[in-house]
Amino acid sequence: LAGWRILTGLLKPGGIMLVSLYSEAARQTVVRARALIAERGWEATPARMRQFRQEILAGQYQDLKPLLQWRDFYNLSMFRDLVFHVHEHRYTLPQIEKHLIELDLCFVGMRGLPARLQALYQASFPGDPNGSDLANWTQFETQHPNAFMSMYGLVLQKPGRG
């Protein structure tokens, strides 16, 4: 939040900020994998990471099978960042909304969503054609918890004119 506050201070009135944050809901499989790694005391060595990937592929950890959907799973350095990373910040949309109020930023919409999810949102919330209602997105994510598997792509604006 401190870094976000600094960036917001540099933004001119009416200026746009693009922010990407991890979704708490969409990263639950990652959370489970990290808990297992911590529990077992595994280090992020290339051999241990390769072995862990092979074990997941072989079905040894059924609850971690959704990791196979992530492109990060198939590249060793990206896999390290995905599940062996020491710490990551994950957010819920209500937490983000709270921060936006603190920072005096307006939510303009989401970016980077696949067309099928964008269409699904529009069908679910025809009264929000611009996708600028964060409460609707919260409801949407509740119904589709993996919608933001890559990240929330937030388009934010500082009030006022430049």
N, C-alpha and C. Protein backbone atom coordinates (compact mmCIF):
# COMPACT_ATOMS: atom_id res chain seq x y z
N LEU A 1 0.83 -1.19 0.00
CA LEU A 1 0.00 0.00 0.00
C LEU A 1 0.88 1.26 0.00
N ALA A 2 2.00 1.20 0.68
CA ALA A 2 2.89 2.36 0.73
C ALA A 2 3.41 2.70 -0.68
N GLY A 3 3.80 1.68 -1.42
CA GLY A 3 4.25 1.90 -2.80
C GLY A 3 3.14 2.41 -3.68
N TRP A 4 1.96 1.86 -3.49
CA TRP A 4 0.80 2.28 -4.26
C TRP A 4 0.48 3.75 -3.97
N ARG A 5 0.63 4.13 -2.69
CA ARG A 5 0.39 5.51 -2.29
C ARG A 5 1.37 6.46 -3.01
N ILE A 6 2.63 6.06 -3.11
CA ILE A 6 3.64 6.87 -3.80
C ILE A 6 3.27 7.03 -5.27
N LEU A 7 2.91 5.94 -5.93
CA LEU A 7 2.52 6.01 -7.34
C LEU A 7 1.29 6.88 -7.54
N THR A 8 0.33 6.77 -6.64
CA THR A 8 -0.88 7.58 -6.73
C THR A 8 -0.53 9.06 -6.61
N GLY A 9 0.42 9.38 -5.74
CA GLY A 9 0.85 10.76 -5.57
C GLY A 9 1.49 11.34 -6.82
N LEU A 10 2.06 10.50 -7.65
CA LEU A 10 2.69 10.95 -8.89
C LEU A 10 1.69 11.10 -10.04
N LEU A 11 0.49 10.55 -9.83
CA LEU A 11 -0.53 10.57 -10.87
C LEU A 11 -1.23 11.93 -10.92
N LYS A 12 -1.34 12.49 -12.10
CA LYS A 12 -2.03 13.77 -12.28
C LYS A 12 -3.53 13.56 -12.14
N PRO A 13 -4.28 14.59 -11.73
CA PRO A 13 -5.74 14.48 -11.70
C PRO A 13 -6.26 14.06 -13.08
N GLY A 14 -7.14 13.09 -13.08
CA GLY A 14 -7.67 12.55 -14.33
C GLY A 14 -6.79 11.48 -14.94
N GLY A 15 -5.61 11.27 -14.35
CA GLY A 15 -4.67 10.28 -14.87
C GLY A 15 -5.14 8.85 -14.62
N ILE A 16 -4.67 7.96 -15.48
CA ILE A 16 -5.04 6.54 -15.43
C ILE A 16 -3.86 5.73 -14.92
N MET A 17 -4.16 4.75 -14.08
CA MET A 17 -3.15 3.83 -13.55
C MET A 17 -3.62 2.41 -13.83
N LEU A 18 -2.73 1.58 -14.36
CA LEU A 18 -3.03 0.17 -14.57
C LEU A 18 -2.31 -0.61 -13.49
N VAL A 19 -3.05 -1.42 -12.75
CA VAL A 19 -2.49 -2.18 -11.63
C VAL A 19 -2.91 -3.64 -11.78
N SER A 20 -1.95 -4.53 -11.60
CA SER A 20 -2.24 -5.97 -11.62
C SER A 20 -1.94 -6.55 -10.25
N LEU A 21 -2.90 -7.28 -9.70
CA LEU A 21 -2.76 -7.88 -8.37
C LEU A 21 -3.28 -9.31 -8.40
N TYR A 22 -2.69 -10.16 -7.55
CA TYR A 22 -3.14 -11.55 -7.46
C TYR A 22 -4.47 -11.65 -6.73
N SER A 23 -5.32 -12.52 -7.24
CA SER A 23 -6.62 -12.80 -6.64
C SER A 23 -6.50 -13.89 -5.58
N GLU A 24 -7.02 -13.63 -4.40
CA GLU A 24 -7.03 -14.62 -3.32
C GLU A 24 -7.83 -15.85 -3.76
N ALA A 25 -8.97 -15.64 -4.35
CA ALA A 25 -9.83 -16.76 -4.75
C ALA A 25 -9.18 -17.64 -5.81
N ALA A 26 -8.58 -17.02 -6.82
CA ALA A 26 -8.04 -17.78 -7.95
C ALA A 26 -6.74 -18.50 -7.63
N ARG A 27 -6.08 -18.13 -6.54
CA ARG A 27 -4.77 -18.71 -6.25
C ARG A 27 -4.80 -19.73 -5.10
N GLN A 28 -5.96 -20.29 -4.82
CA GLN A 28 -6.05 -21.24 -3.70
C GLN A 28 -5.23 -22.51 -3.93
N THR A 29 -5.11 -22.96 -5.15
CA THR A 29 -4.26 -24.12 -5.43
C THR A 29 -2.80 -23.77 -5.17
N VAL A 30 -2.39 -22.56 -5.52
CA VAL A 30 -1.03 -22.09 -5.26
C VAL A 30 -0.79 -22.05 -3.75
N VAL A 31 -1.78 -21.57 -3.00
CA VAL A 31 -1.67 -21.51 -1.54
C VAL A 31 -1.47 -22.91 -0.97
N ARG A 32 -2.23 -23.88 -1.48
CA ARG A 32 -2.08 -25.27 -1.00
C ARG A 32 -0.69 -25.81 -1.34
N ALA A 33 -0.21 -25.53 -2.54
CA ALA A 33 1.13 -26.01 -2.93
C ALA A 33 2.20 -25.39 -2.04
N ARG A 34 2.09 -24.11 -1.76
CA ARG A 34 3.08 -23.44 -0.91
C ARG A 34 3.04 -23.98 0.51
N ALA A 35 1.86 -24.30 1.00
CA ALA A 35 1.73 -24.87 2.34
C ALA A 35 2.43 -26.24 2.40
N LEU A 36 2.24 -27.05 1.37
CA LEU A 36 2.89 -28.36 1.31
C LEU A 36 4.41 -28.20 1.28
N ILE A 37 4.89 -27.28 0.47
CA ILE A 37 6.34 -27.02 0.37
C ILE A 37 6.90 -26.59 1.71
N ALA A 38 6.20 -25.69 2.39
CA ALA A 38 6.65 -25.22 3.71
C ALA A 38 6.62 -26.35 4.74
N GLU A 39 5.56 -27.13 4.71
CA GLU A 39 5.39 -28.24 5.65
C GLU A 39 6.52 -29.26 5.49
N ARG A 40 6.90 -29.53 4.25
CA ARG A 40 7.95 -30.52 3.97
C ARG A 40 9.36 -29.91 4.05
N GLY A 41 9.45 -28.60 4.13
CA GLY A 41 10.75 -27.94 4.21
C GLY A 41 11.56 -28.04 2.92
N TRP A 42 10.87 -28.13 1.79
CA TRP A 42 11.56 -28.25 0.51
C TRP A 42 12.22 -26.93 0.11
N GLU A 43 13.41 -27.03 -0.41
CA GLU A 43 14.11 -25.86 -0.91
C GLU A 43 13.89 -25.75 -2.41
N ALA A 44 14.05 -24.55 -2.92
CA ALA A 44 13.80 -24.28 -4.34
C ALA A 44 15.01 -24.61 -5.19
N THR A 45 15.46 -25.87 -5.11
CA THR A 45 16.56 -26.31 -5.96
C THR A 45 15.96 -26.82 -7.28
N PRO A 46 16.69 -26.73 -8.37
CA PRO A 46 16.15 -27.24 -9.64
C PRO A 46 15.71 -28.71 -9.54
N ALA A 47 16.49 -29.53 -8.85
CA ALA A 47 16.12 -30.95 -8.72
C ALA A 47 14.82 -31.13 -7.95
N ARG A 48 14.65 -30.40 -6.85
CA ARG A 48 13.43 -30.53 -6.03
C ARG A 48 12.22 -30.01 -6.80
N MET A 49 12.40 -28.91 -7.52
CA MET A 49 11.28 -28.36 -8.28
C MET A 49 10.86 -29.30 -9.40
N ARG A 50 11.84 -29.88 -10.11
CA ARG A 50 11.51 -30.84 -11.17
C ARG A 50 10.80 -32.06 -10.59
N GLN A 51 11.29 -32.55 -9.47
CA GLN A 51 10.67 -33.72 -8.85
C GLN A 51 9.22 -33.41 -8.44
N PHE A 52 9.01 -32.24 -7.85
CA PHE A 52 7.67 -31.85 -7.44
C PHE A 52 6.73 -31.76 -8.65
N ARG A 53 7.21 -31.18 -9.73
CA ARG A 53 6.39 -31.12 -10.95
C ARG A 53 6.04 -32.52 -11.45
N GLN A 54 7.01 -33.41 -11.44
CA GLN A 54 6.76 -34.78 -11.88
C GLN A 54 5.74 -35.47 -10.98
N GLU A 55 5.82 -35.23 -9.70
CA GLU A 55 4.87 -35.83 -8.75
C GLU A 55 3.45 -35.31 -9.01
N ILE A 56 3.34 -34.04 -9.30
CA ILE A 56 2.02 -33.47 -9.62
C ILE A 56 1.49 -34.07 -10.91
N LEU A 57 2.36 -34.15 -11.93
CA LEU A 57 1.96 -34.74 -13.21
C LEU A 57 1.53 -36.20 -13.06
N ALA A 58 2.19 -36.91 -12.16
CA ALA A 58 1.88 -38.33 -11.94
C ALA A 58 0.62 -38.52 -11.11
N GLY A 59 0.03 -37.41 -10.60
CA GLY A 59 -1.20 -37.52 -9.83
C GLY A 59 -1.01 -37.76 -8.35
N GLN A 60 0.20 -37.59 -7.85
CA GLN A 60 0.48 -37.82 -6.44
C GLN A 60 -0.25 -36.80 -5.55
N TYR A 61 -0.51 -35.62 -6.06
CA TYR A 61 -1.20 -34.57 -5.31
C TYR A 61 -2.41 -34.13 -6.13
N GLN A 62 -3.51 -34.86 -5.99
CA GLN A 62 -4.71 -34.59 -6.79
C GLN A 62 -5.23 -33.17 -6.62
N ASP A 63 -5.12 -32.64 -5.39
CA ASP A 63 -5.65 -31.30 -5.15
C ASP A 63 -4.79 -30.22 -5.81
N LEU A 64 -3.61 -30.59 -6.31
CA LEU A 64 -2.74 -29.63 -6.99
C LEU A 64 -2.82 -29.74 -8.52
N LYS A 65 -3.64 -30.66 -9.02
CA LYS A 65 -3.80 -30.84 -10.47
C LYS A 65 -4.16 -29.54 -11.21
N PRO A 66 -4.94 -28.62 -10.60
CA PRO A 66 -5.22 -27.37 -11.32
C PRO A 66 -3.97 -26.57 -11.69
N LEU A 67 -2.84 -26.82 -11.05
CA LEU A 67 -1.61 -26.13 -11.42
C LEU A 67 -1.21 -26.43 -12.86
N LEU A 68 -1.67 -27.57 -13.39
CA LEU A 68 -1.34 -27.93 -14.76
C LEU A 68 -1.95 -26.96 -15.78
N GLN A 69 -2.94 -26.19 -15.36
CA GLN A 69 -3.57 -25.20 -16.24
C GLN A 69 -2.74 -23.93 -16.36
N TRP A 70 -1.78 -23.74 -15.48
CA TRP A 70 -0.98 -22.52 -15.46
C TRP A 70 0.23 -22.70 -16.37
N ARG A 71 0.44 -21.77 -17.25
CA ARG A 71 1.63 -21.87 -18.12
C ARG A 71 2.90 -21.81 -17.29
N ASP A 72 2.84 -21.17 -16.11
CA ASP A 72 4.01 -21.07 -15.23
C ASP A 72 4.50 -22.44 -14.77
N PHE A 73 3.61 -23.42 -14.79
CA PHE A 73 3.98 -24.77 -14.34
C PHE A 73 5.08 -25.38 -15.21
N TYR A 74 5.11 -25.00 -16.47
CA TYR A 74 5.96 -25.68 -17.45
C TYR A 74 7.32 -25.03 -17.69
N ASN A 75 7.62 -23.98 -16.99
CA ASN A 75 8.91 -23.32 -17.08
C ASN A 75 9.50 -23.28 -15.67
N LEU A 76 10.71 -23.78 -15.49
CA LEU A 76 11.26 -23.95 -14.15
C LEU A 76 11.35 -22.64 -13.37
N SER A 77 11.83 -21.58 -13.98
CA SER A 77 11.93 -20.32 -13.23
C SER A 77 10.55 -19.76 -12.90
N MET A 78 9.61 -19.94 -13.81
CA MET A 78 8.25 -19.47 -13.54
C MET A 78 7.57 -20.35 -12.49
N PHE A 79 7.85 -21.64 -12.51
CA PHE A 79 7.31 -22.55 -11.51
C PHE A 79 7.85 -22.18 -10.12
N ARG A 80 9.12 -21.82 -10.08
CA ARG A 80 9.72 -21.38 -8.81
C ARG A 80 8.97 -20.18 -8.28
N ASP A 81 8.72 -19.21 -9.13
CA ASP A 81 7.99 -18.02 -8.71
C ASP A 81 6.56 -18.35 -8.33
N LEU A 82 5.95 -19.28 -9.00
CA LEU A 82 4.56 -19.64 -8.74
C LEU A 82 4.37 -20.29 -7.38
N VAL A 83 5.15 -21.32 -7.08
CA VAL A 83 4.88 -22.08 -5.85
C VAL A 83 6.02 -22.10 -4.83
N PHE A 84 7.24 -21.77 -5.22
CA PHE A 84 8.35 -21.78 -4.27
C PHE A 84 8.72 -20.36 -3.81
N HIS A 85 8.03 -19.36 -4.33
CA HIS A 85 8.31 -17.98 -3.96
C HIS A 85 8.10 -17.81 -2.46
N VAL A 86 8.95 -17.03 -1.84
CA VAL A 86 8.90 -16.88 -0.38
C VAL A 86 7.62 -16.21 0.08
N HIS A 87 7.18 -15.20 -0.64
CA HIS A 87 6.01 -14.44 -0.18
C HIS A 87 5.32 -13.77 -1.37
N GLU A 88 4.01 -13.77 -1.33
CA GLU A 88 3.26 -13.02 -2.33
C GLU A 88 2.06 -12.39 -1.66
N HIS A 89 1.61 -11.29 -2.21
CA HIS A 89 0.41 -10.62 -1.71
C HIS A 89 -0.76 -10.99 -2.61
N ARG A 90 -1.83 -11.46 -1.98
CA ARG A 90 -3.06 -11.78 -2.70
C ARG A 90 -4.16 -10.89 -2.12
N TYR A 91 -5.13 -10.57 -2.95
CA TYR A 91 -6.18 -9.64 -2.54
C TYR A 91 -7.55 -10.17 -2.92
N THR A 92 -8.54 -9.67 -2.21
CA THR A 92 -9.94 -9.85 -2.60
C THR A 92 -10.39 -8.51 -3.17
N LEU A 93 -11.44 -8.53 -3.95
CA LEU A 93 -11.95 -7.28 -4.50
C LEU A 93 -12.45 -6.32 -3.41
N PRO A 94 -13.08 -6.80 -2.33
CA PRO A 94 -13.43 -5.87 -1.25
C PRO A 94 -12.19 -5.21 -0.60
N GLN A 95 -11.09 -5.95 -0.47
CA GLN A 95 -9.86 -5.34 0.05
C GLN A 95 -9.36 -4.25 -0.90
N ILE A 96 -9.39 -4.56 -2.18
CA ILE A 96 -8.95 -3.58 -3.17
C ILE A 96 -9.83 -2.34 -3.11
N GLU A 97 -11.14 -2.56 -3.00
CA GLU A 97 -12.06 -1.42 -2.92
C GLU A 97 -11.73 -0.54 -1.71
N LYS A 98 -11.41 -1.15 -0.60
CA LYS A 98 -11.03 -0.39 0.61
C LYS A 98 -9.78 0.45 0.33
N HIS A 99 -8.79 -0.14 -0.32
CA HIS A 99 -7.57 0.59 -0.65
C HIS A 99 -7.84 1.74 -1.62
N LEU A 100 -8.73 1.51 -2.57
CA LEU A 100 -9.05 2.57 -3.53
C LEU A 100 -9.68 3.76 -2.83
N ILE A 101 -10.51 3.50 -1.84
CA ILE A 101 -11.10 4.59 -1.06
C ILE A 101 -10.01 5.34 -0.31
N GLU A 102 -9.10 4.60 0.34
CA GLU A 102 -7.99 5.22 1.07
C GLU A 102 -7.11 6.07 0.15
N LEU A 103 -6.91 5.60 -1.08
CA LEU A 103 -6.02 6.28 -2.02
C LEU A 103 -6.74 7.32 -2.89
N ASP A 104 -8.04 7.42 -2.72
CA ASP A 104 -8.86 8.33 -3.53
C ASP A 104 -8.68 8.04 -5.02
N LEU A 105 -8.85 6.77 -5.37
CA LEU A 105 -8.80 6.34 -6.77
C LEU A 105 -10.15 5.76 -7.16
N CYS A 106 -10.52 5.93 -8.40
CA CYS A 106 -11.77 5.39 -8.93
C CYS A 106 -11.49 4.14 -9.76
N PHE A 107 -12.32 3.14 -9.59
CA PHE A 107 -12.23 1.93 -10.41
C PHE A 107 -12.93 2.22 -11.73
N VAL A 108 -12.21 2.05 -12.83
CA VAL A 108 -12.77 2.31 -14.16
C VAL A 108 -13.22 1.00 -14.82
N GLY A 109 -12.47 -0.08 -14.60
CA GLY A 109 -12.84 -1.35 -15.19
C GLY A 109 -11.70 -2.36 -15.11
N MET A 110 -11.94 -3.53 -15.68
CA MET A 110 -10.95 -4.61 -15.73
C MET A 110 -10.35 -4.64 -17.13
N ARG A 111 -9.10 -5.06 -17.19
CA ARG A 111 -8.45 -5.23 -18.49
C ARG A 111 -7.80 -6.60 -18.52
N GLY A 112 -7.56 -7.08 -19.73
CA GLY A 112 -6.82 -8.32 -19.90
C GLY A 112 -7.61 -9.59 -19.71
N LEU A 113 -8.91 -9.49 -19.56
CA LEU A 113 -9.71 -10.71 -19.41
C LEU A 113 -9.95 -11.34 -20.78
N PRO A 114 -9.95 -12.67 -20.85
CA PRO A 114 -10.30 -13.32 -22.11
C PRO A 114 -11.70 -12.90 -22.56
N ALA A 115 -11.91 -12.88 -23.85
CA ALA A 115 -13.18 -12.43 -24.42
C ALA A 115 -14.37 -13.22 -23.87
N ARG A 116 -14.19 -14.53 -23.64
CA ARG A 116 -15.31 -15.34 -23.14
C ARG A 116 -15.72 -14.91 -21.73
N LEU A 117 -14.75 -14.52 -20.88
CA LEU A 117 -15.09 -14.05 -19.53
C LEU A 117 -15.72 -12.66 -19.59
N GLN A 118 -15.21 -11.83 -20.48
CA GLN A 118 -15.79 -10.49 -20.66
C GLN A 118 -17.25 -10.62 -21.09
N ALA A 119 -17.51 -11.52 -22.04
CA ALA A 119 -18.88 -11.74 -22.52
C ALA A 119 -19.76 -12.31 -21.42
N LEU A 120 -19.22 -13.21 -20.61
CA LEU A 120 -19.97 -13.79 -19.50
C LEU A 120 -20.33 -12.70 -18.48
N TYR A 121 -19.38 -11.80 -18.21
CA TYR A 121 -19.66 -10.69 -17.31
C TYR A 121 -20.79 -9.82 -17.88
N GLN A 122 -20.69 -9.47 -19.15
CA GLN A 122 -21.70 -8.62 -19.79
C GLN A 122 -23.08 -9.27 -19.76
N ALA A 123 -23.12 -10.59 -19.96
CA ALA A 123 -24.39 -11.31 -19.91
C ALA A 123 -24.95 -11.33 -18.48
N SER A 124 -24.08 -11.40 -17.51
CA SER A 124 -24.50 -11.44 -16.11
C SER A 124 -24.91 -10.07 -15.59
N PHE A 125 -24.28 -9.02 -16.12
CA PHE A 125 -24.53 -7.66 -15.63
C PHE A 125 -24.76 -6.70 -16.80
N PRO A 126 -25.86 -6.86 -17.51
CA PRO A 126 -26.12 -6.01 -18.68
C PRO A 126 -26.28 -4.53 -18.31
N GLY A 127 -26.57 -4.23 -17.06
CA GLY A 127 -26.71 -2.85 -16.62
C GLY A 127 -25.38 -2.17 -16.35
N ASP A 128 -24.28 -2.90 -16.53
CA ASP A 128 -22.94 -2.34 -16.31
C ASP A 128 -22.11 -2.56 -17.58
N PRO A 129 -22.47 -1.88 -18.68
CA PRO A 129 -21.82 -2.15 -19.96
C PRO A 129 -20.32 -1.85 -19.97
N ASN A 130 -19.86 -0.95 -19.11
CA ASN A 130 -18.43 -0.61 -19.07
C ASN A 130 -17.66 -1.48 -18.08
N GLY A 131 -18.37 -2.30 -17.31
CA GLY A 131 -17.70 -3.15 -16.32
C GLY A 131 -17.01 -2.34 -15.23
N SER A 132 -17.66 -1.26 -14.81
CA SER A 132 -17.02 -0.36 -13.85
C SER A 132 -17.59 -0.45 -12.44
N ASP A 133 -18.39 -1.48 -12.18
CA ASP A 133 -18.97 -1.65 -10.85
C ASP A 133 -18.23 -2.77 -10.12
N LEU A 134 -17.42 -2.39 -9.15
CA LEU A 134 -16.60 -3.36 -8.43
C LEU A 134 -17.44 -4.38 -7.65
N ALA A 135 -18.61 -3.95 -7.18
CA ALA A 135 -19.51 -4.89 -6.48
C ALA A 135 -19.97 -6.00 -7.43
N ASN A 136 -20.23 -5.65 -8.69
CA ASN A 136 -20.61 -6.66 -9.68
C ASN A 136 -19.45 -7.63 -9.91
N TRP A 137 -18.23 -7.11 -9.99
CA TRP A 137 -17.07 -7.97 -10.21
C TRP A 137 -16.87 -8.91 -9.01
N THR A 138 -17.16 -8.41 -7.81
CA THR A 138 -17.05 -9.26 -6.62
C THR A 138 -18.04 -10.42 -6.72
N GLN A 139 -19.27 -10.11 -7.10
CA GLN A 139 -20.28 -11.15 -7.29
C GLN A 139 -19.87 -12.11 -8.41
N PHE A 140 -19.33 -11.57 -9.49
CA PHE A 140 -18.89 -12.39 -10.61
C PHE A 140 -17.79 -13.36 -10.17
N GLU A 141 -16.83 -12.86 -9.40
CA GLU A 141 -15.73 -13.73 -8.95
C GLU A 141 -16.23 -14.80 -7.99
N THR A 142 -17.23 -14.49 -7.19
CA THR A 142 -17.82 -15.49 -6.30
C THR A 142 -18.41 -16.63 -7.12
N GLN A 143 -19.03 -16.29 -8.24
CA GLN A 143 -19.63 -17.31 -9.11
C GLN A 143 -18.59 -18.01 -9.98
N HIS A 144 -17.47 -17.33 -10.25
CA HIS A 144 -16.41 -17.85 -11.13
C HIS A 144 -15.05 -17.61 -10.46
N PRO A 145 -14.72 -18.40 -9.42
CA PRO A 145 -13.52 -18.13 -8.62
C PRO A 145 -12.20 -18.18 -9.37
N ASN A 146 -12.17 -18.82 -10.53
CA ASN A 146 -10.92 -18.86 -11.29
C ASN A 146 -10.86 -17.82 -12.41
N ALA A 147 -11.79 -16.89 -12.41
CA ALA A 147 -11.84 -15.89 -13.47
C ALA A 147 -10.56 -15.07 -13.56
N PHE A 148 -9.92 -14.84 -12.43
CA PHE A 148 -8.73 -14.00 -12.41
C PHE A 148 -7.49 -14.82 -12.09
N MET A 149 -7.37 -15.99 -12.76
CA MET A 149 -6.21 -16.86 -12.51
C MET A 149 -4.90 -16.15 -12.77
N SER A 150 -4.84 -15.37 -13.82
CA SER A 150 -3.57 -14.68 -14.06
C SER A 150 -3.43 -13.53 -13.07
N MET A 151 -4.33 -12.62 -13.02
CA MET A 151 -4.34 -11.51 -12.07
C MET A 151 -5.58 -10.66 -12.30
N TYR A 152 -5.86 -9.82 -11.32
CA TYR A 152 -6.81 -8.74 -11.56
C TYR A 152 -6.06 -7.72 -12.41
N GLY A 153 -6.65 -7.28 -13.48
CA GLY A 153 -6.08 -6.19 -14.27
C GLY A 153 -6.95 -4.96 -14.07
N LEU A 154 -6.57 -4.13 -13.13
CA LEU A 154 -7.39 -2.99 -12.73
C LEU A 154 -7.03 -1.74 -13.50
N VAL A 155 -8.04 -1.05 -13.98
CA VAL A 155 -7.87 0.27 -14.58
C VAL A 155 -8.42 1.25 -13.57
N LEU A 156 -7.55 2.14 -13.10
CA LEU A 156 -7.91 3.08 -12.03
C LEU A 156 -7.69 4.50 -12.50
N GLN A 157 -8.41 5.42 -11.90
CA GLN A 157 -8.26 6.82 -12.30
C GLN A 157 -8.26 7.72 -11.06
N LYS A 158 -7.39 8.71 -11.11
CA LYS A 158 -7.37 9.73 -10.07
C LYS A 158 -8.43 10.76 -10.42
N PRO A 159 -9.33 11.09 -9.49
CA PRO A 159 -10.39 12.05 -9.79
C PRO A 159 -9.84 13.41 -10.22
N GLY A 160 -10.65 14.13 -10.95
CA GLY A 160 -10.30 15.48 -11.38
C GLY A 160 -9.83 15.51 -12.81
N ARG A 161 -9.50 16.70 -13.26
CA ARG A 161 -9.00 16.87 -14.63
C ARG A 161 -7.59 17.37 -14.61
N GLY A 162 -6.81 16.93 -15.59
CA GLY A 162 -5.41 17.28 -15.67
C GLY A 162 -5.11 18.62 -16.22
